[in-house]
Every structure is written in C-alpha cells, then in structure tokens.
PDB file of N, CA and C in Angstrom:
ATOM      1  N   UNK A   1       6.305 -11.664   6.008  1.00  0.00           N
ATOM      2  CA  UNK A   1       5.450 -10.652   5.398  1.00  0.00           C
ATOM      3  C   UNK A   1       4.019 -10.898   5.897  1.00  0.00           C
ATOM      4  N   UNK A   2       3.545  -9.995   6.730  1.00  0.00           N
ATOM      5  CA  UNK A   2       2.196 -10.154   7.275  1.00  0.00           C
ATOM      6  C   UNK A   2       1.344  -8.911   7.038  1.00  0.00           C
ATOM      7  N   UNK A   3       1.861  -7.738   7.377  1.00  0.00           N
ATOM      8  CA  UNK A   3       1.090  -6.498   7.232  1.00  0.00           C
ATOM      9  C   UNK A   3       1.649  -5.739   6.038  1.00  0.00           C
ATOM     10  N   UNK A   4       0.798  -5.556   5.039  1.00  0.00           N
ATOM     11  CA  UNK A   4       1.229  -4.997   3.755  1.00  0.00           C
ATOM     12  C   UNK A   4       0.576  -3.645   3.508  1.00  0.00           C
ATOM     13  N   UNK A   5       1.369  -2.683   3.115  1.00  0.00           N
ATOM     14  CA  UNK A   5       0.895  -1.357   2.729  1.00  0.00           C
ATOM     15  C   UNK A   5       0.873  -1.285   1.207  1.00  0.00           C
ATOM     16  N   UNK A   6      -0.229  -0.842   0.624  1.00  0.00           N
ATOM     17  CA  UNK A   6      -0.320  -0.686  -0.828  1.00  0.00           C
ATOM     18  C   UNK A   6       0.124   0.712  -1.229  1.00  0.00           C
ATOM     19  N   UNK A   7       0.952   0.796  -2.248  1.00  0.00           N
ATOM     20  CA  UNK A   7       1.397   2.091  -2.769  1.00  0.00           C
ATOM     21  C   UNK A   7       1.264   2.085  -4.283  1.00  0.00           C
ATOM     22  N   UNK A   8       0.785   3.193  -4.801  1.00  0.00           N
ATOM     23  CA  UNK A   8       0.635   3.306  -6.249  1.00  0.00           C
ATOM     24  C   UNK A   8       0.091   4.666  -6.618  1.00  0.00           C
ATOM     25  N   UNK A   9      -0.068   4.891  -7.905  1.00  0.00           N
ATOM     26  CA  UNK A   9      -0.543   6.191  -8.380  1.00  0.00           C
ATOM     27  C   UNK A   9      -2.021   6.409  -8.096  1.00  0.00           C
ATOM     28  N   UNK A  10      -2.353   7.642  -7.753  1.00  0.00           N
ATOM     29  CA  UNK A  10      -3.752   8.043  -7.539  1.00  0.00           C
ATOM     30  C   UNK A  10      -4.048   9.354  -8.258  1.00  0.00           C
ATOM     31  N   UNK A  11      -3.257  10.374  -7.958  1.00  0.00           N
ATOM     32  CA  UNK A  11      -3.507  11.723  -8.467  1.00  0.00           C
ATOM     33  C   UNK A  11      -3.598  11.739  -9.990  1.00  0.00           C
ATOM     34  N   UNK A  12      -4.669  12.335 -10.493  1.00  0.00           N
ATOM     35  CA  UNK A  12      -4.847  12.495 -11.929  1.00  0.00           C
ATOM     36  C   UNK A  12      -5.470  11.305 -12.634  1.00  0.00           C
ATOM     37  N   UNK A  13      -5.691  10.215 -11.915  1.00  0.00           N
ATOM     38  CA  UNK A  13      -6.285   9.029 -12.525  1.00  0.00           C
ATOM     39  C   UNK A  13      -7.797   8.997 -12.274  1.00  0.00           C
ATOM     40  N   UNK A  14      -8.555   8.357 -13.162  1.00  0.00           N
ATOM     41  CA  UNK A  14     -10.005   8.239 -12.942  1.00  0.00           C
ATOM     42  C   UNK A  14     -10.284   7.591 -11.584  1.00  0.00           C
ATOM     43  N   UNK A  15     -11.219   8.167 -10.858  1.00  0.00           N
ATOM     44  CA  UNK A  15     -11.617   7.661  -9.535  1.00  0.00           C
ATOM     45  C   UNK A  15     -10.416   7.514  -8.597  1.00  0.00           C
ATOM     46  N   UNK A  16      -9.372   8.317  -8.846  1.00  0.00           N
ATOM     47  CA  UNK A  16      -8.136   8.275  -8.053  1.00  0.00           C
ATOM     48  C   UNK A  16      -7.508   6.879  -8.001  1.00  0.00           C
ATOM     49  N   UNK A  17      -7.839   6.055  -8.978  1.00  0.00           N
ATOM     50  CA  UNK A  17      -7.315   4.692  -9.058  1.00  0.00           C
ATOM     51  C   UNK A  17      -7.805   3.817  -7.906  1.00  0.00           C
ATOM     52  N   UNK A  18      -8.845   4.269  -7.202  1.00  0.00           N
ATOM     53  CA  UNK A  18      -9.381   3.502  -6.078  1.00  0.00           C
ATOM     54  C   UNK A  18      -9.785   2.086  -6.477  1.00  0.00           C
ATOM     55  N   UNK A  19     -10.415   1.868  -7.649  1.00  0.00           N
ATOM     56  CA  UNK A  19     -10.785   0.487  -7.997  1.00  0.00           C
ATOM     57  C   UNK A  19      -9.578  -0.465  -8.002  1.00  0.00           C
ATOM     58  N   UNK A  20      -8.432  -0.011  -8.490  1.00  0.00           N
ATOM     59  CA  UNK A  20      -7.233  -0.866  -8.496  1.00  0.00           C
ATOM     60  C   UNK A  20      -6.752  -1.140  -7.076  1.00  0.00           C
ATOM     61  N   UNK A  21      -6.776  -0.112  -6.229  1.00  0.00           N
ATOM     62  CA  UNK A  21      -6.365  -0.291  -4.829  1.00  0.00           C
ATOM     63  C   UNK A  21      -7.305  -1.261  -4.120  1.00  0.00           C
ATOM     64  N   UNK A  22      -8.614  -1.095  -4.310  1.00  0.00           N
ATOM     65  CA  UNK A  22      -9.578  -1.973  -3.639  1.00  0.00           C
ATOM     66  C   UNK A  22      -9.469  -3.412  -4.146  1.00  0.00           C
ATOM     67  N   UNK A  23      -9.264  -3.584  -5.434  1.00  0.00           N
ATOM     68  CA  UNK A  23      -9.133  -4.931  -5.997  1.00  0.00           C
ATOM     69  C   UNK A  23      -7.892  -5.632  -5.450  1.00  0.00           C
ATOM     70  N   UNK A  24      -6.783  -4.907  -5.396  1.00  0.00           N
ATOM     71  CA  UNK A  24      -5.542  -5.517  -4.889  1.00  0.00           C
ATOM     72  C   UNK A  24      -5.646  -5.803  -3.401  1.00  0.00           C
ATOM     73  N   UNK A  25      -6.261  -4.919  -2.649  1.00  0.00           N
ATOM     74  CA  UNK A  25      -6.448  -5.162  -1.220  1.00  0.00           C
ATOM     75  C   UNK A  25      -7.293  -6.417  -1.012  1.00  0.00           C
ATOM     76  N   UNK A  26      -8.355  -6.564  -1.775  1.00  0.00           N
ATOM     77  CA  UNK A  26      -9.213  -7.746  -1.655  1.00  0.00           C
ATOM     78  C   UNK A  26      -8.442  -9.018  -2.007  1.00  0.00           C
ATOM     79  N   UNK A  27      -7.637  -8.966  -3.064  1.00  0.00           N
ATOM     80  CA  UNK A  27      -6.854 -10.138  -3.479  1.00  0.00           C
ATOM     81  C   UNK A  27      -5.880 -10.561  -2.383  1.00  0.00           C
ATOM     82  N   UNK A  28      -5.163  -9.585  -1.830  1.00  0.00           N
ATOM     83  CA  UNK A  28      -4.171  -9.898  -0.798  1.00  0.00           C
ATOM     84  C   UNK A  28      -4.831 -10.357   0.502  1.00  0.00           C
ATOM     85  N   UNK A  29      -5.969  -9.775   0.827  1.00  0.00           N
ATOM     86  CA  UNK A  29      -6.692 -10.225   2.026  1.00  0.00           C
ATOM     87  C   UNK A  29      -7.176 -11.659   1.858  1.00  0.00           C
ATOM     88  N   UNK A  30      -7.587 -12.011   0.654  1.00  0.00           N
ATOM     89  CA  UNK A  30      -8.013 -13.387   0.387  1.00  0.00           C
ATOM     90  C   UNK A  30      -6.862 -14.370   0.564  1.00  0.00           C
ATOM     91  N   UNK A  31      -5.632 -13.879   0.407  1.00  0.00           N
ATOM     92  CA  UNK A  31      -4.447 -14.705   0.636  1.00  0.00           C
ATOM     93  C   UNK A  31      -4.057 -14.735   2.114  1.00  0.00           C
ATOM     94  N   UNK A  32      -4.779 -13.994   2.928  1.00  0.00           N
ATOM     95  CA  UNK A  32      -4.533 -14.032   4.372  1.00  0.00           C
ATOM     96  C   UNK A  32      -3.696 -12.901   4.929  1.00  0.00           C
ATOM     97  N   UNK A  33      -3.425 -11.873   4.132  1.00  0.00           N
ATOM     98  CA  UNK A  33      -2.601 -10.765   4.613  1.00  0.00           C
ATOM     99  C   UNK A  33      -3.445  -9.673   5.255  1.00  0.00           C
ATOM    100  N   UNK A  34      -2.849  -8.972   6.184  1.00  0.00           N
ATOM    101  CA  UNK A  34      -3.416  -7.767   6.776  1.00  0.00           C
ATOM    102  C   UNK A  34      -2.976  -6.626   5.863  1.00  0.00           C
ATOM    103  N   UNK A  35      -3.915  -5.970   5.207  1.00  0.00           N
ATOM    104  CA  UNK A  35      -3.582  -4.976   4.179  1.00  0.00           C
ATOM    105  C   UNK A  35      -4.006  -3.580   4.622  1.00  0.00           C
ATOM    106  N   UNK A  36      -3.072  -2.640   4.473  1.00  0.00           N
ATOM    107  CA  UNK A  36      -3.363  -1.225   4.691  1.00  0.00           C
ATOM    108  C   UNK A  36      -3.540  -0.594   3.316  1.00  0.00           C
ATOM    109  N   UNK A  37      -4.750  -0.091   3.078  1.00  0.00           N
ATOM    110  CA  UNK A  37      -5.120   0.442   1.776  1.00  0.00           C
ATOM    111  C   UNK A  37      -5.342   1.953   1.892  1.00  0.00           C
ATOM    112  N   UNK A  38      -4.484   2.777   1.281  1.00  0.00           N
ATOM    113  CA  UNK A  38      -4.658   4.229   1.365  1.00  0.00           C
ATOM    114  C   UNK A  38      -6.017   4.713   0.865  1.00  0.00           C
ATOM    115  N   UNK A  39      -6.639   3.986  -0.031  1.00  0.00           N
ATOM    116  CA  UNK A  39      -7.958   4.368  -0.524  1.00  0.00           C
ATOM    117  C   UNK A  39      -9.017   4.204   0.569  1.00  0.00           C
ATOM    118  N   UNK A  40      -8.729   3.397   1.568  1.00  0.00           N
ATOM    119  CA  UNK A  40      -9.626   3.253   2.714  1.00  0.00           C
ATOM    120  C   UNK A  40      -9.290   4.266   3.805  1.00  0.00           C
ATOM    121  N   UNK A  41      -8.023   4.620   3.912  1.00  0.00           N
ATOM    122  CA  UNK A  41      -7.599   5.613   4.908  1.00  0.00           C
ATOM    123  C   UNK A  41      -8.156   6.984   4.547  1.00  0.00           C
ATOM    124  N   UNK A  42      -8.117   7.315   3.269  1.00  0.00           N
ATOM    125  CA  UNK A  42      -8.529   8.630   2.763  1.00  0.00           C
ATOM    126  C   UNK A  42      -9.572   8.469   1.660  1.00  0.00           C
ATOM    127  N   UNK A  43     -10.806   8.139   2.013  1.00  0.00           N
ATOM    128  CA  UNK A  43     -11.806   7.889   0.974  1.00  0.00           C
ATOM    129  C   UNK A  43     -12.370   9.147   0.298  1.00  0.00           C
ATOM    130  N   UNK A  44     -12.103  10.312   0.859  1.00  0.00           N
ATOM    131  CA  UNK A  44     -12.640  11.562   0.316  1.00  0.00           C
ATOM    132  C   UNK A  44     -11.820  11.991  -0.913  1.00  0.00           C
ATOM    133  N   UNK A  45     -12.419  12.032  -2.092  1.00  0.00           N
ATOM    134  CA  UNK A  45     -11.662  12.339  -3.315  1.00  0.00           C
ATOM    135  C   UNK A  45     -11.094  13.759  -3.382  1.00  0.00           C
ATOM    136  N   UNK A  46     -11.620  14.683  -2.600  1.00  0.00           N
ATOM    137  CA  UNK A  46     -11.127  16.061  -2.648  1.00  0.00           C
ATOM    138  C   UNK A  46     -10.234  16.416  -1.472  1.00  0.00           C
ATOM    139  N   UNK A  47      -9.769  15.416  -0.738  1.00  0.00           N
ATOM    140  CA  UNK A  47      -8.922  15.667   0.424  1.00  0.00           C
ATOM    141  C   UNK A  47      -7.575  16.251   0.000  1.00  0.00           C
ATOM    142  N   UNK A  48      -6.990  16.997   0.886  1.00  0.00           N
ATOM    143  CA  UNK A  48      -5.671  17.615   0.668  1.00  0.00           C
ATOM    144  C   UNK A  48      -4.595  16.528   0.568  1.00  0.00           C
ATOM    145  N   UNK A  49      -3.752  16.626  -0.477  1.00  0.00           N
ATOM    146  CA  UNK A  49      -2.694  15.635  -0.703  1.00  0.00           C
ATOM    147  C   UNK A  49      -1.802  15.495   0.525  1.00  0.00           C
ATOM    148  N   UNK A  50      -1.376  16.613   1.086  1.00  0.00           N
ATOM    149  CA  UNK A  50      -0.460  16.587   2.232  1.00  0.00           C
ATOM    150  C   UNK A  50      -1.099  15.876   3.430  1.00  0.00           C
ATOM    151  N   UNK A  51      -2.354  16.192   3.721  1.00  0.00           N
ATOM    152  CA  UNK A  51      -3.040  15.542   4.840  1.00  0.00           C
ATOM    153  C   UNK A  51      -3.168  14.037   4.595  1.00  0.00           C
ATOM    154  N   UNK A  52      -3.472  13.666   3.361  1.00  0.00           N
ATOM    155  CA  UNK A  52      -3.567  12.239   3.017  1.00  0.00           C
ATOM    156  C   UNK A  52      -2.227  11.543   3.214  1.00  0.00           C
ATOM    157  N   UNK A  53      -1.159  12.152   2.749  1.00  0.00           N
ATOM    158  CA  UNK A  53       0.157  11.537   2.875  1.00  0.00           C
ATOM    159  C   UNK A  53       0.559  11.376   4.338  1.00  0.00           C
ATOM    160  N   UNK A  54       0.246  12.358   5.164  1.00  0.00           N
ATOM    161  CA  UNK A  54       0.582  12.249   6.584  1.00  0.00           C
ATOM    162  C   UNK A  54      -0.162  11.078   7.223  1.00  0.00           C
ATOM    163  N   UNK A  55      -1.431  10.923   6.891  1.00  0.00           N
ATOM    164  CA  UNK A  55      -2.208   9.798   7.421  1.00  0.00           C
ATOM    165  C   UNK A  55      -1.675   8.473   6.879  1.00  0.00           C
ATOM    166  N   UNK A  56      -1.336   8.451   5.598  1.00  0.00           N
ATOM    167  CA  UNK A  56      -0.822   7.228   4.972  1.00  0.00           C
ATOM    168  C   UNK A  56       0.517   6.812   5.570  1.00  0.00           C
ATOM    169  N   UNK A  57       1.404   7.763   5.748  1.00  0.00           N
ATOM    170  CA  UNK A  57       2.738   7.457   6.277  1.00  0.00           C
ATOM    171  C   UNK A  57       2.642   6.927   7.711  1.00  0.00           C
ATOM    172  N   UNK A  58       1.705   7.462   8.496  1.00  0.00           N
ATOM    173  CA  UNK A  58       1.482   6.932   9.852  1.00  0.00           C
ATOM    174  C   UNK A  58       1.197   5.435   9.810  1.00  0.00           C
ATOM    175  N   UNK A  59       0.454   5.002   8.798  1.00  0.00           N
ATOM    176  CA  UNK A  59       0.127   3.581   8.655  1.00  0.00           C
ATOM    177  C   UNK A  59       1.266   2.785   8.016  1.00  0.00           C
ATOM    178  N   UNK A  60       1.931   3.382   7.045  1.00  0.00           N
ATOM    179  CA  UNK A  60       3.041   2.704   6.368  1.00  0.00           C
ATOM    180  C   UNK A  60       4.070   2.194   7.372  1.00  0.00           C
ATOM    181  N   UNK A  61       4.426   3.012   8.341  1.00  0.00           N
ATOM    182  CA  UNK A  61       5.490   2.629   9.270  1.00  0.00           C
ATOM    183  C   UNK A  61       5.087   1.507  10.214  1.00  0.00           C
ATOM    184  N   UNK A  62       3.814   1.102  10.196  1.00  0.00           N
ATOM    185  CA  UNK A  62       3.373  -0.031  11.012  1.00  0.00           C
ATOM    186  C   UNK A  62       3.430  -1.343  10.230  1.00  0.00           C
ATOM    187  N   UNK A  63       3.819  -1.269   8.980  1.00  0.00           N
ATOM    188  CA  UNK A  63       3.828  -2.441   8.093  1.00  0.00           C
ATOM    189  C   UNK A  63       5.224  -3.015   7.955  1.00  0.00           C
ATOM    190  N   UNK A  64       5.289  -4.297   7.610  1.00  0.00           N
ATOM    191  CA  UNK A  64       6.595  -4.900   7.353  1.00  0.00           C
ATOM    192  C   UNK A  64       6.894  -5.007   5.861  1.00  0.00           C
ATOM    193  N   UNK A  65       5.888  -4.693   5.029  1.00  0.00           N
ATOM    194  CA  UNK A  65       6.052  -4.808   3.575  1.00  0.00           C
ATOM    195  C   UNK A  65       5.282  -3.684   2.891  1.00  0.00           C
ATOM    196  N   UNK A  66       5.854  -3.175   1.804  1.00  0.00           N
ATOM    197  CA  UNK A  66       5.131  -2.252   0.929  1.00  0.00           C
ATOM    198  C   UNK A  66       4.971  -2.955  -0.413  1.00  0.00           C
ATOM    199  N   UNK A  67       3.729  -3.050  -0.872  1.00  0.00           N
ATOM    200  CA  UNK A  67       3.421  -3.686  -2.157  1.00  0.00           C
ATOM    201  C   UNK A  67       3.141  -2.582  -3.168  1.00  0.00           C
ATOM    202  N   UNK A  68       3.915  -2.570  -4.226  1.00  0.00           N
ATOM    203  CA  UNK A  68       3.867  -1.498  -5.218  1.00  0.00           C
ATOM    204  C   UNK A  68       2.972  -1.874  -6.391  1.00  0.00           C
ATOM    205  N   UNK A  69       1.994  -1.032  -6.656  1.00  0.00           N
ATOM    206  CA  UNK A  69       1.086  -1.237  -7.781  1.00  0.00           C
ATOM    207  C   UNK A  69       1.747  -0.776  -9.078  1.00  0.00           C
ATOM    208  N   UNK A  70       1.250  -1.215 -10.226  1.00  0.00           N
ATOM    209  CA  UNK A  70       1.826  -0.782 -11.508  1.00  0.00           C
ATOM    210  C   UNK A  70       1.884   0.741 -11.609  1.00  0.00           C
ATOM    211  N   UNK A  71       2.959   1.211 -12.214  1.00  0.00           N
ATOM    212  CA  UNK A  71       3.221   2.640 -12.439  1.00  0.00           C
ATOM    213  C   UNK A  71       3.444   3.441 -11.163  1.00  0.00           C
ATOM    214  N   UNK A  72       3.797   2.778 -10.073  1.00  0.00           N
ATOM    215  CA  UNK A  72       4.029   3.474  -8.810  1.00  0.00           C
ATOM    216  C   UNK A  72       5.112   4.537  -8.944  1.00  0.00           C
ATOM    217  N   UNK A  73       6.099   4.287  -9.808  1.00  0.00           N
ATOM    218  CA  UNK A  73       7.228   5.217  -9.917  1.00  0.00           C
ATOM    219  C   UNK A  73       6.854   6.531 -10.607  1.00  0.00           C
ATOM    220  N   UNK A  74       5.631   6.608 -11.136  1.00  0.00           N
ATOM    221  CA  UNK A  74       5.155   7.851 -11.742  1.00  0.00           C
ATOM    222  C   UNK A  74       4.370   8.695 -10.736  1.00  0.00           C
ATOM    223  N   UNK A  75       4.277   8.212  -9.515  1.00  0.00           N
ATOM    224  CA  UNK A  75       3.490   8.865  -8.476  1.00  0.00           C
ATOM    225  C   UNK A  75       4.386   9.531  -7.441  1.00  0.00           C
ATOM    226  N   UNK A  76       4.183  10.806  -7.239  1.00  0.00           N
ATOM    227  CA  UNK A  76       4.947  11.551  -6.223  1.00  0.00           C
ATOM    228  C   UNK A  76       4.771  10.909  -4.842  1.00  0.00           C
ATOM    229  N   UNK A  77       3.540  10.584  -4.475  1.00  0.00           N
ATOM    230  CA  UNK A  77       3.277  10.000  -3.166  1.00  0.00           C
ATOM    231  C   UNK A  77       3.873   8.605  -3.014  1.00  0.00           C
ATOM    232  N   UNK A  78       3.701   7.765  -4.021  1.00  0.00           N
ATOM    233  CA  UNK A  78       4.242   6.403  -3.942  1.00  0.00           C
ATOM    234  C   UNK A  78       5.769   6.418  -3.919  1.00  0.00           C
ATOM    235  N   UNK A  79       6.385   7.363  -4.625  1.00  0.00           N
ATOM    236  CA  UNK A  79       7.849   7.466  -4.571  1.00  0.00           C
ATOM    237  C   UNK A  79       8.306   7.868  -3.173  1.00  0.00           C
ATOM    238  N   UNK A  80       7.569   8.749  -2.526  1.00  0.00           N
ATOM    239  CA  UNK A  80       7.887   9.133  -1.150  1.00  0.00           C
ATOM    240  C   UNK A  80       7.719   7.927  -0.216  1.00  0.00           C
ATOM    241  N   UNK A  81       6.628   7.203  -0.378  1.00  0.00           N
ATOM    242  CA  UNK A  81       6.398   6.015   0.452  1.00  0.00           C
ATOM    243  C   UNK A  81       7.488   4.966   0.218  1.00  0.00           C
ATOM    244  N   UNK A  82       7.886   4.776  -1.024  1.00  0.00           N
ATOM    245  CA  UNK A  82       8.961   3.832  -1.350  1.00  0.00           C
ATOM    246  C   UNK A  82      10.267   4.268  -0.688  1.00  0.00           C
ATOM    247  N   UNK A  83      10.568   5.554  -0.749  1.00  0.00           N
ATOM    248  CA  UNK A  83      11.794   6.071  -0.127  1.00  0.00           C
ATOM    249  C   UNK A  83      11.781   5.797   1.380  1.00  0.00           C
ATOM    250  N   UNK A  84      10.667   6.084   2.018  1.00  0.00           N
ATOM    251  CA  UNK A  84      10.555   5.838   3.461  1.00  0.00           C
ATOM    252  C   UNK A  84      10.745   4.352   3.749  1.00  0.00           C
ATOM    253  N   UNK A  85      10.110   3.501   2.946  1.00  0.00           N
ATOM    254  CA  UNK A  85      10.260   2.053   3.127  1.00  0.00           C
ATOM    255  C   UNK A  85      11.720   1.635   2.993  1.00  0.00           C
ATOM    256  N   UNK A  86      12.407   2.175   2.010  1.00  0.00           N
ATOM    257  CA  UNK A  86      13.831   1.855   1.820  1.00  0.00           C
ATOM    258  C   UNK A  86      14.638   2.245   3.050  1.00  0.00           C
ATOM    259  N   UNK A  87      14.432   3.459   3.526  1.00  0.00           N
ATOM    260  CA  UNK A  87      15.205   3.965   4.652  1.00  0.00           C
ATOM    261  C   UNK A  87      14.909   3.225   5.950  1.00  0.00           C
ATOM    262  N   UNK A  88      13.702   2.698   6.103  1.00  0.00           N
ATOM    263  CA  UNK A  88      13.313   2.004   7.328  1.00  0.00           C
ATOM    264  C   UNK A  88      13.488   0.488   7.244  1.00  0.00           C
ATOM    265  N   UNK A  89      13.958   0.002   6.102  1.00  0.00           N
ATOM    266  CA  UNK A  89      14.171  -1.433   5.953  1.00  0.00           C
ATOM    267  C   UNK A  89      12.893  -2.237   5.786  1.00  0.00           C
ATOM    268  N   UNK A  90      11.838  -1.575   5.307  1.00  0.00           N
ATOM    269  CA  UNK A  90      10.576  -2.262   5.034  1.00  0.00           C
ATOM    270  C   UNK A  90      10.732  -3.017   3.711  1.00  0.00           C
ATOM    271  N   UNK A  91      10.274  -4.253   3.674  1.00  0.00           N
ATOM    272  CA  UNK A  91      10.377  -5.079   2.462  1.00  0.00           C
ATOM    273  C   UNK A  91       9.590  -4.415   1.340  1.00  0.00           C
ATOM    274  N   UNK A  92      10.175  -4.381   0.148  1.00  0.00           N
ATOM    275  CA  UNK A  92       9.536  -3.783  -1.020  1.00  0.00           C
ATOM    276  C   UNK A  92       9.330  -4.859  -2.077  1.00  0.00           C
ATOM    277  N   UNK A  93       8.074  -4.981  -2.543  1.00  0.00           N
ATOM    278  CA  UNK A  93       7.747  -5.969  -3.571  1.00  0.00           C
ATOM    279  C   UNK A  93       6.743  -5.375  -4.539  1.00  0.00           C
ATOM    280  N   UNK A  94       6.730  -5.911  -5.748  1.00  0.00           N
ATOM    281  CA  UNK A  94       5.646  -5.581  -6.673  1.00  0.00           C
ATOM    282  C   UNK A  94       4.427  -6.362  -6.216  1.00  0.00           C
ATOM    283  N   UNK A  95       3.307  -5.682  -6.094  1.00  0.00           N
ATOM    284  CA  UNK A  95       2.097  -6.325  -5.580  1.00  0.00           C
ATOM    285  C   UNK A  95       1.752  -7.582  -6.366  1.00  0.00           C
ATOM    286  N   UNK A  96       1.879  -7.516  -7.678  1.00  0.00           N
ATOM    287  CA  UNK A  96       1.499  -8.656  -8.519  1.00  0.00           C
ATOM    288  C   UNK A  96       2.357  -9.891  -8.270  1.00  0.00           C
ATOM    289  N   UNK A  97       3.527  -9.718  -7.641  1.00  0.00           N
ATOM    290  CA  UNK A  97       4.403 -10.856  -7.364  1.00  0.00           C
ATOM    291  C   UNK A  97       4.003 -11.630  -6.110  1.00  0.00           C
ATOM    292  N   UNK A  98       3.097 -11.098  -5.322  1.00  0.00           N
ATOM    293  CA  UNK A  98       2.657 -11.798  -4.110  1.00  0.00           C
ATOM    294  C   UNK A  98       1.600 -12.808  -4.521  1.00  0.00           C
ATOM    295  N   UNK A  99       1.947 -14.075  -4.442  1.00  0.00           N
ATOM    296  CA  UNK A  99       1.060 -15.147  -4.899  1.00  0.00           C
ATOM    297  C   UNK A  99       0.765 -16.180  -3.819  1.00  0.00           C
ATOM    298  N   UNK A 100       1.605 -16.269  -2.790  1.00  0.00           N
ATOM    299  CA  UNK A 100       1.428 -17.301  -1.764  1.00  0.00           C
ATOM    300  C   UNK A 100       0.565 -16.800  -0.628  1.00  0.00           C
ATOM    301  N   UNK A 101      -0.123 -17.735  -0.024  1.00  0.00           N
ATOM    302  CA  UNK A 101      -0.912 -17.408   1.174  1.00  0.00           C
ATOM    303  C   UNK A 101       0.013 -16.981   2.285  1.00  0.00           C
ATOM    304  N   UNK A 102      -0.492 -16.108   3.153  1.00  0.00           N
ATOM    305  CA  UNK A 102       0.273 -15.699   4.327  1.00  0.00           C
ATOM    306  C   UNK A 102       0.462 -16.921   5.224  1.00  0.00           C
ATOM    307  N   UNK A 103       1.627 -17.010   5.806  1.00  0.00           N
ATOM    308  CA  UNK A 103       1.897 -18.102   6.733  1.00  0.00           C
ATOM    309  C   UNK A 103       1.570 -17.646   8.142  1.00  0.00           C
ATOM    310  N   UNK A 104       0.939 -18.522   8.903  1.00  0.00           N
ATOM    311  CA  UNK A 104       0.619 -18.195  10.275  1.00  0.00           C
ATOM    312  C   UNK A 104       1.892 -18.242  11.112  1.00  0.00           C
ATOM    313  N   UNK A 105       1.977 -17.351  12.068  1.00  0.00           N
ATOM    314  CA  UNK A 105       3.116 -17.363  12.984  1.00  0.00           C
ATOM    315  C   UNK A 105       3.020 -18.617  13.850  1.00  0.00           C
ATOM    316  N   UNK A 106       4.134 -19.285  14.015  1.00  0.00           N
ATOM    317  CA  UNK A 106       4.176 -20.496  14.828  1.00  0.00           C
ATOM    318  C   UNK A 106       4.657 -20.109  16.219  1.00  0.00           C
ATOM    319  N   UNK A 107       3.878 -20.401  17.262  1.00  0.00           N
ATOM    320  CA  UNK A 107       4.318 -20.050  18.615  1.00  0.00           C
ATOM    321  C   UNK A 107       5.599 -20.768  18.973  1.00  0.00           C
ATOM    322  N   UNK A 108       6.465 -20.079  19.693  1.00  0.00           N
ATOM    323  CA  UNK A 108       7.768 -20.666  20.092  1.00  0.00           C
ATOM    324  C   UNK A 108       7.604 -21.643  21.226  1.00  0.00           C
TER     325      UNK A 108
END
C-alpha cells in the first residue's frame, strides 16, 4: 500500500467535508503515504459533480488502495469509487484503520 485515494461524502455537507479530507490526507502523508485527495483535485465548491467524478476517477485508477472515510456508503460518488476499486482489485480499507508507516520499497 503506497498510493492511497481518499473517498468519502462531500455533497450536502458543510464546506463539502473538505476539512475531513484535508485532515486525513495530512495524517496519511505524515505516515509516509502518497495520497490522492479529491478535495485537492477539485477545490472549486461549485464545480459540476460529473466533471469532478471524471477527474477523480482518473486519479483513483492510479492508486493501489482506496481509503474510505466515515459515512462513505451514504455518498453517491464514494459508492461509485468503491465499486470501481472492487472491480479493478484495488485494496479497500477504512481510512481510520491505517496506522502504520508506509514501508519503503526494497530494491531487488
């Protein structure tokens, strides 16, 4: 697990839940992970949902893990991202369960 995509609810939440996304991205980066944060991909609060999802999915498929924020299953977008991760064999974890530092790749 090296490159992690964050997925969780945004639509209808205060500040689009960006503070939670930014906090989790910072926590995981401090553990040494490369984090893809949709709140950084699409910082404009009035952006079109479809355009945001297309940009997010482009990044999701470059990751080996999807980290799910609380209440992700109540989010149309996060459920779509989870489905894509399932179909592509991307590791799925609850973000809060990631506690260990990223391990460096050992050259062969």
